[in-house]
N, C-alpha and C. Protein backbone atom coordinates (compact mmCIF):
# COMPACT_ATOMS: atom_id res chain seq x y z
N MET A 1 0.85 -1.20 0.00
CA MET A 1 0.00 0.00 0.00
C MET A 1 0.88 1.24 0.00
N LYS A 2 0.59 2.12 -0.94
CA LYS A 2 1.33 3.39 -1.00
C LYS A 2 0.67 4.40 -0.07
N LYS A 3 1.49 5.08 0.75
CA LYS A 3 0.97 6.00 1.76
C LYS A 3 1.49 7.41 1.47
N ILE A 4 0.56 8.31 1.16
CA ILE A 4 0.92 9.67 0.75
C ILE A 4 0.33 10.68 1.72
N GLY A 5 1.11 11.72 2.03
CA GLY A 5 0.62 12.83 2.83
C GLY A 5 0.45 14.05 1.95
N ILE A 6 -0.67 14.73 2.09
CA ILE A 6 -0.97 15.92 1.31
C ILE A 6 -0.99 17.13 2.23
N THR A 7 -0.25 18.18 1.86
CA THR A 7 -0.26 19.40 2.65
C THR A 7 -0.18 20.61 1.72
N GLY A 8 -0.28 21.79 2.31
CA GLY A 8 -0.25 23.02 1.52
C GLY A 8 -1.01 24.11 2.24
N GLY A 9 -0.85 25.32 1.78
CA GLY A 9 -1.49 26.46 2.43
C GLY A 9 -2.98 26.54 2.16
N VAL A 10 -3.64 27.38 2.93
CA VAL A 10 -5.07 27.59 2.77
C VAL A 10 -5.37 28.12 1.37
N GLY A 11 -6.42 27.59 0.74
CA GLY A 11 -6.81 28.06 -0.59
C GLY A 11 -6.03 27.46 -1.74
N ALA A 12 -5.11 26.55 -1.44
CA ALA A 12 -4.28 25.96 -2.51
C ALA A 12 -5.05 24.94 -3.34
N GLY A 13 -6.14 24.41 -2.79
CA GLY A 13 -6.96 23.45 -3.54
C GLY A 13 -6.66 22.00 -3.21
N LYS A 14 -6.32 21.73 -1.96
CA LYS A 14 -6.02 20.36 -1.55
C LYS A 14 -7.23 19.45 -1.73
N SER A 15 -8.42 19.98 -1.53
CA SER A 15 -9.64 19.16 -1.67
C SER A 15 -9.80 18.61 -3.07
N ALA A 16 -9.44 19.40 -4.06
CA ALA A 16 -9.54 18.94 -5.45
C ALA A 16 -8.59 17.80 -5.72
N VAL A 17 -7.40 17.86 -5.12
CA VAL A 17 -6.42 16.79 -5.27
C VAL A 17 -6.93 15.51 -4.59
N LEU A 18 -7.47 15.66 -3.39
CA LEU A 18 -8.01 14.51 -2.67
C LEU A 18 -9.15 13.86 -3.44
N ALA A 19 -10.04 14.68 -3.97
CA ALA A 19 -11.20 14.16 -4.70
C ALA A 19 -10.75 13.33 -5.91
N TYR A 20 -9.73 13.80 -6.62
CA TYR A 20 -9.25 13.07 -7.79
C TYR A 20 -8.57 11.76 -7.40
N LEU A 21 -7.80 11.79 -6.31
CA LEU A 21 -7.13 10.57 -5.83
C LEU A 21 -8.15 9.51 -5.44
N LYS A 22 -9.27 9.94 -4.89
CA LYS A 22 -10.32 8.99 -4.52
C LYS A 22 -11.06 8.50 -5.76
N GLU A 23 -11.40 9.44 -6.63
CA GLU A 23 -12.20 9.11 -7.82
C GLU A 23 -11.45 8.20 -8.78
N LYS A 24 -10.21 8.53 -9.11
CA LYS A 24 -9.48 7.76 -10.13
C LYS A 24 -8.73 6.57 -9.54
N TYR A 25 -8.16 6.74 -8.34
CA TYR A 25 -7.27 5.70 -7.80
C TYR A 25 -7.89 4.92 -6.63
N GLY A 26 -9.12 5.27 -6.26
CA GLY A 26 -9.78 4.56 -5.17
C GLY A 26 -9.07 4.74 -3.84
N ALA A 27 -8.44 5.88 -3.65
CA ALA A 27 -7.67 6.13 -2.43
C ALA A 27 -8.57 6.13 -1.20
N TYR A 28 -8.03 5.60 -0.13
CA TYR A 28 -8.68 5.74 1.19
C TYR A 28 -8.17 7.06 1.75
N LEU A 29 -9.09 7.97 2.05
CA LEU A 29 -8.72 9.33 2.47
C LEU A 29 -8.97 9.56 3.94
N ILE A 30 -8.04 10.25 4.58
CA ILE A 30 -8.25 10.79 5.92
C ILE A 30 -7.89 12.26 5.89
N VAL A 31 -8.81 13.10 6.35
CA VAL A 31 -8.52 14.53 6.55
C VAL A 31 -8.38 14.70 8.06
N ALA A 32 -7.18 15.06 8.50
CA ALA A 32 -6.87 15.07 9.94
C ALA A 32 -7.83 15.94 10.74
N ASP A 33 -8.20 17.09 10.22
CA ASP A 33 -9.11 17.99 10.95
C ASP A 33 -10.47 17.33 11.17
N GLU A 34 -10.96 16.63 10.16
CA GLU A 34 -12.25 15.95 10.28
C GLU A 34 -12.16 14.78 11.26
N LEU A 35 -11.04 14.07 11.22
CA LEU A 35 -10.83 12.96 12.14
C LEU A 35 -10.78 13.47 13.58
N ALA A 36 -10.11 14.60 13.79
CA ALA A 36 -10.03 15.19 15.14
C ALA A 36 -11.43 15.49 15.67
N LYS A 37 -12.30 16.01 14.81
CA LYS A 37 -13.68 16.31 15.23
C LYS A 37 -14.41 15.03 15.66
N GLU A 38 -14.17 13.93 14.95
CA GLU A 38 -14.77 12.64 15.33
C GLU A 38 -14.31 12.22 16.72
N LEU A 39 -13.01 12.38 16.97
CA LEU A 39 -12.43 11.93 18.23
C LEU A 39 -12.83 12.81 19.41
N GLU A 40 -13.34 14.01 19.11
CA GLU A 40 -13.79 14.93 20.15
C GLU A 40 -15.27 14.77 20.50
N LEU A 41 -15.98 13.90 19.77
CA LEU A 41 -17.38 13.63 20.07
C LEU A 41 -17.50 12.90 21.41
N PRO A 42 -18.70 12.92 22.03
CA PRO A 42 -18.85 12.31 23.36
C PRO A 42 -18.34 10.88 23.50
N GLN A 43 -18.42 10.09 22.43
CA GLN A 43 -17.94 8.71 22.53
C GLN A 43 -16.45 8.58 22.16
N GLY A 44 -15.83 9.69 21.79
CA GLY A 44 -14.44 9.64 21.32
C GLY A 44 -13.42 9.73 22.45
N PRO A 45 -12.19 9.33 22.14
CA PRO A 45 -11.14 9.28 23.17
C PRO A 45 -10.65 10.63 23.68
N CYS A 46 -10.94 11.71 22.93
CA CYS A 46 -10.47 13.05 23.36
C CYS A 46 -11.49 13.78 24.23
N TYR A 47 -12.73 13.32 24.22
CA TYR A 47 -13.83 14.05 24.87
C TYR A 47 -13.58 14.28 26.37
N GLN A 48 -13.45 13.20 27.10
CA GLN A 48 -13.28 13.34 28.56
C GLN A 48 -11.97 14.01 28.94
N PRO A 49 -10.86 13.67 28.30
CA PRO A 49 -9.61 14.37 28.64
C PRO A 49 -9.68 15.89 28.42
N LEU A 50 -10.42 16.32 27.39
CA LEU A 50 -10.57 17.76 27.14
C LEU A 50 -11.41 18.42 28.25
N ILE A 51 -12.46 17.72 28.68
CA ILE A 51 -13.28 18.25 29.78
C ILE A 51 -12.46 18.31 31.07
N ASP A 52 -11.68 17.26 31.31
CA ASP A 52 -10.83 17.22 32.51
C ASP A 52 -9.84 18.38 32.50
N ALA A 53 -9.34 18.71 31.32
CA ALA A 53 -8.32 19.75 31.21
C ALA A 53 -8.90 21.16 31.23
N PHE A 54 -10.10 21.34 30.62
CA PHE A 54 -10.61 22.70 30.41
C PHE A 54 -11.98 22.97 31.03
N GLY A 55 -12.63 21.96 31.59
CA GLY A 55 -13.92 22.16 32.24
C GLY A 55 -15.10 22.02 31.29
N THR A 56 -16.30 22.00 31.87
CA THR A 56 -17.53 21.79 31.08
C THR A 56 -17.96 23.05 30.31
N GLY A 57 -17.26 24.16 30.53
CA GLY A 57 -17.58 25.39 29.79
C GLY A 57 -17.31 25.29 28.30
N ILE A 58 -16.60 24.24 27.89
CA ILE A 58 -16.32 24.06 26.45
C ILE A 58 -17.42 23.27 25.75
N LEU A 59 -18.48 22.87 26.51
CA LEU A 59 -19.57 22.10 25.93
C LEU A 59 -20.79 22.97 25.65
N ASP A 60 -21.59 22.55 24.66
CA ASP A 60 -22.85 23.25 24.39
C ASP A 60 -23.96 22.62 25.23
N ALA A 61 -25.20 23.06 25.00
CA ALA A 61 -26.34 22.59 25.81
C ALA A 61 -26.57 21.08 25.65
N GLU A 62 -26.15 20.51 24.53
CA GLU A 62 -26.33 19.07 24.29
C GLU A 62 -25.16 18.24 24.82
N GLY A 63 -24.18 18.90 25.40
CA GLY A 63 -23.03 18.17 25.92
C GLY A 63 -21.98 17.85 24.87
N VAL A 64 -22.06 18.53 23.73
CA VAL A 64 -21.09 18.34 22.65
C VAL A 64 -20.10 19.50 22.69
N LEU A 65 -18.87 19.25 22.25
CA LEU A 65 -17.85 20.29 22.25
C LEU A 65 -18.33 21.49 21.43
N ASP A 66 -18.32 22.65 22.06
CA ASP A 66 -18.70 23.90 21.39
C ASP A 66 -17.43 24.49 20.78
N LYS A 67 -17.32 24.40 19.46
CA LYS A 67 -16.08 24.78 18.78
C LYS A 67 -15.68 26.24 19.05
N LYS A 68 -16.68 27.13 19.04
CA LYS A 68 -16.36 28.55 19.24
C LYS A 68 -15.88 28.80 20.67
N ALA A 69 -16.57 28.22 21.63
CA ALA A 69 -16.17 28.40 23.03
C ALA A 69 -14.80 27.78 23.29
N PHE A 70 -14.58 26.61 22.69
CA PHE A 70 -13.31 25.91 22.86
C PHE A 70 -12.16 26.72 22.26
N ALA A 71 -12.37 27.22 21.05
CA ALA A 71 -11.34 28.01 20.38
C ALA A 71 -11.03 29.28 21.16
N ALA A 72 -12.09 29.95 21.64
CA ALA A 72 -11.90 31.19 22.41
C ALA A 72 -11.06 30.92 23.66
N LEU A 73 -11.32 29.78 24.28
CA LEU A 73 -10.60 29.44 25.52
C LEU A 73 -9.14 29.12 25.25
N ILE A 74 -8.87 28.25 24.30
CA ILE A 74 -7.48 27.80 24.11
C ILE A 74 -6.59 28.89 23.51
N PHE A 75 -7.19 29.90 22.86
CA PHE A 75 -6.38 30.98 22.33
C PHE A 75 -6.32 32.18 23.28
N SER A 76 -6.98 32.03 24.44
CA SER A 76 -7.07 33.16 25.37
C SER A 76 -5.85 33.28 26.28
N GLU A 77 -5.10 32.22 26.40
CA GLU A 77 -4.02 32.20 27.39
C GLU A 77 -2.88 31.32 26.91
N ALA A 78 -1.68 31.80 27.10
CA ALA A 78 -0.51 31.03 26.68
C ALA A 78 -0.50 29.67 27.34
N GLY A 79 -0.19 28.66 26.55
CA GLY A 79 -0.08 27.30 27.08
C GLY A 79 -1.31 26.45 26.89
N LYS A 80 -2.48 27.10 26.73
CA LYS A 80 -3.71 26.30 26.61
C LYS A 80 -3.81 25.58 25.27
N LEU A 81 -3.37 26.22 24.22
CA LEU A 81 -3.38 25.56 22.90
C LEU A 81 -2.47 24.34 22.93
N GLU A 82 -1.30 24.49 23.55
CA GLU A 82 -0.36 23.36 23.64
C GLU A 82 -0.97 22.21 24.44
N ARG A 83 -1.71 22.53 25.51
CA ARG A 83 -2.37 21.48 26.31
C ARG A 83 -3.42 20.74 25.49
N ALA A 84 -4.19 21.51 24.71
CA ALA A 84 -5.21 20.88 23.87
C ALA A 84 -4.56 20.00 22.80
N ASN A 85 -3.51 20.52 22.17
CA ASN A 85 -2.82 19.75 21.13
C ASN A 85 -2.21 18.47 21.68
N ALA A 86 -1.73 18.53 22.94
CA ALA A 86 -1.12 17.36 23.56
C ALA A 86 -2.14 16.25 23.80
N ILE A 87 -3.41 16.62 23.85
CA ILE A 87 -4.49 15.63 23.98
C ILE A 87 -4.93 15.13 22.60
N ILE A 88 -5.14 16.07 21.68
CA ILE A 88 -5.75 15.75 20.40
C ILE A 88 -4.78 15.09 19.42
N HIS A 89 -3.59 15.66 19.24
CA HIS A 89 -2.68 15.18 18.19
C HIS A 89 -2.23 13.72 18.37
N PRO A 90 -1.85 13.28 19.57
CA PRO A 90 -1.47 11.87 19.70
C PRO A 90 -2.65 10.92 19.42
N ALA A 91 -3.86 11.32 19.81
CA ALA A 91 -5.05 10.49 19.56
C ALA A 91 -5.32 10.39 18.06
N VAL A 92 -5.16 11.50 17.36
CA VAL A 92 -5.36 11.51 15.90
C VAL A 92 -4.33 10.59 15.23
N LYS A 93 -3.08 10.71 15.63
CA LYS A 93 -2.04 9.88 15.02
C LYS A 93 -2.27 8.40 15.30
N GLU A 94 -2.68 8.09 16.52
CA GLU A 94 -2.96 6.69 16.89
C GLU A 94 -4.08 6.12 16.03
N GLU A 95 -5.14 6.91 15.80
CA GLU A 95 -6.25 6.46 14.99
C GLU A 95 -5.83 6.30 13.52
N ILE A 96 -4.99 7.20 13.04
CA ILE A 96 -4.49 7.10 11.66
C ILE A 96 -3.70 5.81 11.48
N LEU A 97 -2.83 5.51 12.43
CA LEU A 97 -2.03 4.28 12.35
C LEU A 97 -2.91 3.04 12.38
N LYS A 98 -3.96 3.09 13.20
CA LYS A 98 -4.91 1.97 13.29
C LYS A 98 -5.61 1.75 11.94
N ARG A 99 -6.10 2.84 11.36
CA ARG A 99 -6.79 2.73 10.07
C ARG A 99 -5.83 2.33 8.95
N MET A 100 -4.61 2.77 9.04
CA MET A 100 -3.59 2.42 8.05
C MET A 100 -3.40 0.90 8.02
N LYS A 101 -3.28 0.30 9.20
CA LYS A 101 -3.12 -1.16 9.29
C LYS A 101 -4.34 -1.88 8.76
N GLU A 102 -5.52 -1.36 9.10
CA GLU A 102 -6.77 -1.98 8.63
C GLU A 102 -6.87 -1.95 7.11
N GLU A 103 -6.53 -0.80 6.51
CA GLU A 103 -6.63 -0.68 5.06
C GLU A 103 -5.59 -1.54 4.35
N GLU A 104 -4.41 -1.63 4.94
CA GLU A 104 -3.37 -2.48 4.34
C GLU A 104 -3.82 -3.94 4.34
N ALA A 105 -4.46 -4.34 5.44
CA ALA A 105 -4.95 -5.71 5.55
C ALA A 105 -6.05 -6.00 4.53
N LYS A 106 -6.81 -4.97 4.17
CA LYS A 106 -7.89 -5.12 3.19
C LYS A 106 -7.37 -5.15 1.75
N GLY A 107 -6.10 -4.79 1.58
CA GLY A 107 -5.54 -4.75 0.23
C GLY A 107 -5.69 -3.41 -0.46
N THR A 108 -5.97 -2.37 0.29
CA THR A 108 -6.07 -1.01 -0.27
C THR A 108 -4.73 -0.64 -0.91
N LYS A 109 -4.80 -0.06 -2.11
CA LYS A 109 -3.57 0.26 -2.85
C LYS A 109 -3.00 1.63 -2.48
N LEU A 110 -3.89 2.57 -2.14
CA LEU A 110 -3.44 3.95 -1.91
C LEU A 110 -4.12 4.53 -0.67
N PHE A 111 -3.30 4.98 0.27
CA PHE A 111 -3.76 5.58 1.53
C PHE A 111 -3.29 7.03 1.53
N VAL A 112 -4.23 7.97 1.69
CA VAL A 112 -3.88 9.39 1.59
C VAL A 112 -4.33 10.13 2.85
N LEU A 113 -3.40 10.87 3.42
CA LEU A 113 -3.67 11.68 4.60
C LEU A 113 -3.47 13.14 4.27
N GLU A 114 -4.47 13.96 4.56
CA GLU A 114 -4.31 15.42 4.42
C GLU A 114 -4.29 16.02 5.81
N ALA A 115 -3.26 16.79 6.11
CA ALA A 115 -3.13 17.40 7.43
C ALA A 115 -2.39 18.73 7.32
N ALA A 116 -2.92 19.74 8.01
CA ALA A 116 -2.27 21.05 8.02
C ALA A 116 -0.89 20.96 8.67
N LEU A 117 -0.78 20.12 9.70
CA LEU A 117 0.48 20.00 10.45
C LEU A 117 1.23 18.72 10.09
N LEU A 118 1.13 18.35 8.84
CA LEU A 118 1.77 17.12 8.35
C LEU A 118 3.27 17.11 8.64
N ILE A 119 3.90 18.25 8.41
CA ILE A 119 5.35 18.37 8.59
C ILE A 119 5.68 18.50 10.08
N GLU A 120 4.97 19.39 10.77
CA GLU A 120 5.24 19.66 12.18
C GLU A 120 5.06 18.42 13.05
N GLU A 121 4.06 17.60 12.71
CA GLU A 121 3.77 16.40 13.50
C GLU A 121 4.54 15.16 13.03
N HIS A 122 5.51 15.38 12.13
CA HIS A 122 6.44 14.33 11.68
C HIS A 122 5.72 13.13 11.05
N TYR A 123 4.71 13.41 10.26
CA TYR A 123 4.01 12.31 9.59
C TYR A 123 4.87 11.67 8.50
N ASP A 124 5.95 12.33 8.13
CA ASP A 124 6.86 11.72 7.16
C ASP A 124 7.43 10.40 7.68
N GLU A 125 7.39 10.22 9.02
CA GLU A 125 7.93 9.00 9.62
C GLU A 125 7.03 7.78 9.37
N ILE A 126 5.75 8.02 9.07
CA ILE A 126 4.84 6.88 8.85
C ILE A 126 4.27 6.85 7.43
N LEU A 127 4.66 7.82 6.60
CA LEU A 127 4.18 7.89 5.22
C LEU A 127 5.35 7.67 4.26
N ASP A 128 5.02 7.24 3.04
CA ASP A 128 6.07 7.02 2.04
C ASP A 128 6.60 8.32 1.47
N GLU A 129 5.71 9.28 1.27
CA GLU A 129 6.13 10.56 0.70
C GLU A 129 5.10 11.65 1.00
N LEU A 130 5.59 12.89 0.97
CA LEU A 130 4.73 14.05 1.20
C LEU A 130 4.58 14.83 -0.11
N TRP A 131 3.36 15.28 -0.37
CA TRP A 131 3.08 16.11 -1.53
C TRP A 131 2.66 17.51 -1.07
N TYR A 132 3.19 18.50 -1.73
CA TYR A 132 2.84 19.89 -1.45
C TYR A 132 1.94 20.42 -2.57
N VAL A 133 0.73 20.80 -2.21
CA VAL A 133 -0.19 21.40 -3.19
C VAL A 133 0.03 22.91 -3.15
N PHE A 134 0.51 23.43 -4.26
CA PHE A 134 0.86 24.85 -4.38
C PHE A 134 -0.12 25.57 -5.28
N ALA A 135 -0.39 26.82 -4.96
CA ALA A 135 -1.11 27.72 -5.88
C ALA A 135 -0.61 29.13 -5.64
N GLU A 136 -0.58 29.92 -6.68
CA GLU A 136 -0.10 31.30 -6.56
C GLU A 136 -0.98 32.07 -5.57
N GLU A 137 -0.35 33.01 -4.87
CA GLU A 137 -1.04 33.72 -3.78
C GLU A 137 -2.33 34.41 -4.22
N GLU A 138 -2.29 35.09 -5.35
CA GLU A 138 -3.50 35.82 -5.80
C GLU A 138 -4.64 34.86 -6.12
N ILE A 139 -4.30 33.71 -6.63
CA ILE A 139 -5.31 32.69 -6.93
C ILE A 139 -5.93 32.17 -5.63
N ARG A 140 -5.09 31.96 -4.62
CA ARG A 140 -5.58 31.50 -3.33
C ARG A 140 -6.50 32.54 -2.68
N ILE A 141 -6.13 33.79 -2.78
CA ILE A 141 -6.95 34.87 -2.21
C ILE A 141 -8.32 34.89 -2.90
N ARG A 142 -8.32 34.74 -4.22
CA ARG A 142 -9.58 34.74 -4.97
C ARG A 142 -10.44 33.53 -4.59
N ARG A 143 -9.82 32.37 -4.49
CA ARG A 143 -10.57 31.16 -4.12
C ARG A 143 -11.20 31.29 -2.74
N LEU A 144 -10.45 31.85 -1.80
CA LEU A 144 -10.97 32.00 -0.44
C LEU A 144 -12.11 33.01 -0.38
N ALA A 145 -12.05 34.02 -1.24
CA ALA A 145 -13.15 34.99 -1.31
C ALA A 145 -14.40 34.30 -1.86
N GLU A 146 -14.21 33.45 -2.88
CA GLU A 146 -15.35 32.78 -3.53
C GLU A 146 -15.92 31.65 -2.66
N SER A 147 -15.05 30.86 -2.04
CA SER A 147 -15.53 29.67 -1.33
C SER A 147 -15.89 29.93 0.13
N ARG A 148 -15.21 30.90 0.77
CA ARG A 148 -15.44 31.14 2.20
C ARG A 148 -15.82 32.58 2.53
N SER A 149 -15.92 33.40 1.49
CA SER A 149 -16.25 34.83 1.66
C SER A 149 -15.22 35.56 2.52
N TYR A 150 -13.96 35.13 2.45
CA TYR A 150 -12.90 35.80 3.21
C TYR A 150 -12.52 37.10 2.53
N SER A 151 -12.28 38.13 3.32
CA SER A 151 -11.75 39.38 2.78
C SER A 151 -10.29 39.14 2.40
N ARG A 152 -9.77 40.02 1.58
CA ARG A 152 -8.36 39.92 1.18
C ARG A 152 -7.45 39.96 2.41
N GLU A 153 -7.80 40.85 3.34
CA GLU A 153 -6.98 41.01 4.55
C GLU A 153 -6.97 39.74 5.39
N LYS A 154 -8.15 39.11 5.53
CA LYS A 154 -8.23 37.88 6.32
C LYS A 154 -7.43 36.76 5.67
N ALA A 155 -7.56 36.62 4.35
CA ALA A 155 -6.83 35.57 3.63
C ALA A 155 -5.32 35.74 3.80
N ILE A 156 -4.84 36.96 3.64
CA ILE A 156 -3.40 37.23 3.77
C ILE A 156 -2.92 36.98 5.19
N SER A 157 -3.75 37.36 6.16
CA SER A 157 -3.40 37.15 7.57
C SER A 157 -3.22 35.66 7.88
N ILE A 158 -4.14 34.83 7.37
CA ILE A 158 -4.05 33.38 7.60
C ILE A 158 -2.80 32.81 6.92
N MET A 159 -2.55 33.25 5.69
CA MET A 159 -1.39 32.76 4.94
C MET A 159 -0.08 33.07 5.66
N LYS A 160 -0.01 34.26 6.26
CA LYS A 160 1.23 34.67 6.94
C LYS A 160 1.52 33.79 8.15
N ASN A 161 0.48 33.17 8.72
CA ASN A 161 0.66 32.32 9.89
C ASN A 161 0.93 30.86 9.53
N GLN A 162 0.98 30.58 8.23
CA GLN A 162 1.27 29.22 7.78
C GLN A 162 2.71 29.12 7.28
N LYS A 163 3.14 27.92 7.01
CA LYS A 163 4.49 27.72 6.50
C LYS A 163 4.68 28.46 5.18
N SER A 164 5.91 28.88 4.93
CA SER A 164 6.22 29.56 3.67
C SER A 164 6.32 28.53 2.54
N ASP A 165 6.25 29.04 1.33
CA ASP A 165 6.39 28.18 0.16
C ASP A 165 7.71 27.42 0.21
N ALA A 166 8.78 28.10 0.60
CA ALA A 166 10.11 27.47 0.67
C ALA A 166 10.14 26.33 1.69
N GLU A 167 9.47 26.53 2.82
CA GLU A 167 9.44 25.48 3.85
C GLU A 167 8.69 24.25 3.37
N PHE A 168 7.55 24.46 2.72
CA PHE A 168 6.80 23.33 2.18
C PHE A 168 7.65 22.56 1.17
N ARG A 169 8.29 23.29 0.27
CA ARG A 169 9.09 22.64 -0.77
C ARG A 169 10.27 21.86 -0.19
N MET A 170 10.82 22.37 0.90
CA MET A 170 11.97 21.73 1.53
C MET A 170 11.64 20.34 2.08
N HIS A 171 10.40 20.16 2.53
CA HIS A 171 10.02 18.92 3.22
C HIS A 171 9.24 17.92 2.35
N CYS A 172 8.81 18.34 1.17
CA CYS A 172 7.93 17.48 0.36
C CYS A 172 8.64 16.95 -0.88
N GLU A 173 8.36 15.67 -1.19
CA GLU A 173 9.00 15.02 -2.35
C GLU A 173 8.41 15.48 -3.67
N HIS A 174 7.12 15.81 -3.67
CA HIS A 174 6.47 16.21 -4.92
C HIS A 174 5.69 17.51 -4.73
N ILE A 175 5.71 18.35 -5.75
CA ILE A 175 4.94 19.60 -5.74
C ILE A 175 3.88 19.52 -6.82
N ILE A 176 2.63 19.73 -6.43
CA ILE A 176 1.52 19.79 -7.38
C ILE A 176 1.16 21.27 -7.55
N ASP A 177 1.39 21.81 -8.74
CA ASP A 177 1.03 23.21 -9.00
C ASP A 177 -0.44 23.26 -9.39
N ASN A 178 -1.25 23.74 -8.46
CA ASN A 178 -2.70 23.79 -8.67
C ASN A 178 -3.17 25.21 -9.01
N SER A 179 -2.30 25.96 -9.69
CA SER A 179 -2.65 27.34 -10.06
C SER A 179 -3.49 27.39 -11.33
N GLY A 180 -3.40 26.34 -12.13
CA GLY A 180 -4.09 26.34 -13.42
C GLY A 180 -5.44 25.65 -13.35
N ASP A 181 -5.84 25.03 -14.48
CA ASP A 181 -7.14 24.36 -14.48
C ASP A 181 -7.00 22.95 -13.90
N LEU A 182 -8.13 22.35 -13.63
CA LEU A 182 -8.18 21.06 -12.94
C LEU A 182 -7.48 19.96 -13.73
N GLN A 183 -7.58 19.99 -15.05
CA GLN A 183 -6.96 18.95 -15.86
C GLN A 183 -5.44 18.99 -15.73
N GLU A 184 -4.87 20.19 -15.66
CA GLU A 184 -3.42 20.32 -15.49
C GLU A 184 -2.98 19.69 -14.16
N THR A 185 -3.79 19.91 -13.13
CA THR A 185 -3.50 19.33 -11.81
C THR A 185 -3.58 17.81 -11.89
N ARG A 186 -4.62 17.30 -12.52
CA ARG A 186 -4.78 15.85 -12.65
C ARG A 186 -3.64 15.22 -13.43
N ASP A 187 -3.17 15.90 -14.46
CA ASP A 187 -2.06 15.38 -15.26
C ASP A 187 -0.79 15.24 -14.40
N GLN A 188 -0.57 16.20 -13.51
CA GLN A 188 0.60 16.14 -12.63
C GLN A 188 0.50 14.95 -11.67
N ILE A 189 -0.70 14.73 -11.14
CA ILE A 189 -0.92 13.60 -10.22
C ILE A 189 -0.67 12.29 -10.95
N ASP A 190 -1.22 12.17 -12.15
CA ASP A 190 -1.03 10.94 -12.94
C ASP A 190 0.45 10.69 -13.23
N ALA A 191 1.17 11.76 -13.54
CA ALA A 191 2.60 11.62 -13.86
C ALA A 191 3.39 11.09 -12.66
N ILE A 192 3.01 11.51 -11.46
CA ILE A 192 3.70 11.04 -10.25
C ILE A 192 3.34 9.59 -9.97
N LEU A 193 2.06 9.25 -10.01
CA LEU A 193 1.63 7.92 -9.62
C LEU A 193 1.94 6.85 -10.67
N TYR A 194 2.20 7.27 -11.89
CA TYR A 194 2.54 6.29 -12.92
C TYR A 194 4.02 6.28 -13.22
N SER A 195 4.83 6.81 -12.31
CA SER A 195 6.27 6.83 -12.57
C SER A 195 7.00 5.86 -11.65
N GLY A 196 7.86 5.06 -12.22
CA GLY A 196 8.73 4.18 -11.45
C GLY A 196 7.99 3.30 -10.46
N ASP A 197 8.50 3.29 -9.22
CA ASP A 197 7.93 2.44 -8.18
C ASP A 197 6.54 2.90 -7.75
N GLY A 198 6.19 4.13 -8.12
CA GLY A 198 4.89 4.65 -7.69
C GLY A 198 3.73 4.20 -8.54
N MET A 199 4.00 3.38 -9.56
CA MET A 199 2.91 2.98 -10.47
C MET A 199 1.82 2.17 -9.74
N LEU A 200 0.60 2.58 -9.94
CA LEU A 200 -0.53 1.87 -9.33
C LEU A 200 -1.33 1.18 -10.40
N SER A 201 -1.86 0.02 -10.08
CA SER A 201 -2.69 -0.68 -11.06
C SER A 201 -4.13 -0.21 -10.95
């Protein structure tokens, strides 16, 4: 089973890359942010530890994690974000490793993980290769305005808090330039997956 990590800045179009990998190659996909939300549900392994660490004020009336209240709390004071990450990130990685073993046992050919902190959390240690989805800054700003109604200022502010283009390129084996049309992006993906040892049936 080939194991690929997908990363890149906000607005680069990682979702389009994931969709094509699933559609054409039957990839098993995990989006780390979505998995984290699953693990924070009442039956998940992060739920009680988060309450123990931050109190019931992070829950809504139904007893589910209130994302806005939780975010406000962990960004309100130095150290709280690190405490939350120390609970969530190891649980996410453990679940990813579990699903990776399950999919390999099923004979899955391609396992794909998308994570904002792919590099920071050292996912290169459990994946075969990392891919960086790149798009020019102005294109990303336009996409974020269209898809999320972000102002130019908000988009630029978020980008400045993410890794630089040079940092992404330094850590990733392949760069997908998603600045053009979708077919150009798909052609780049095909070229990578059909080359050498990466060829998939």
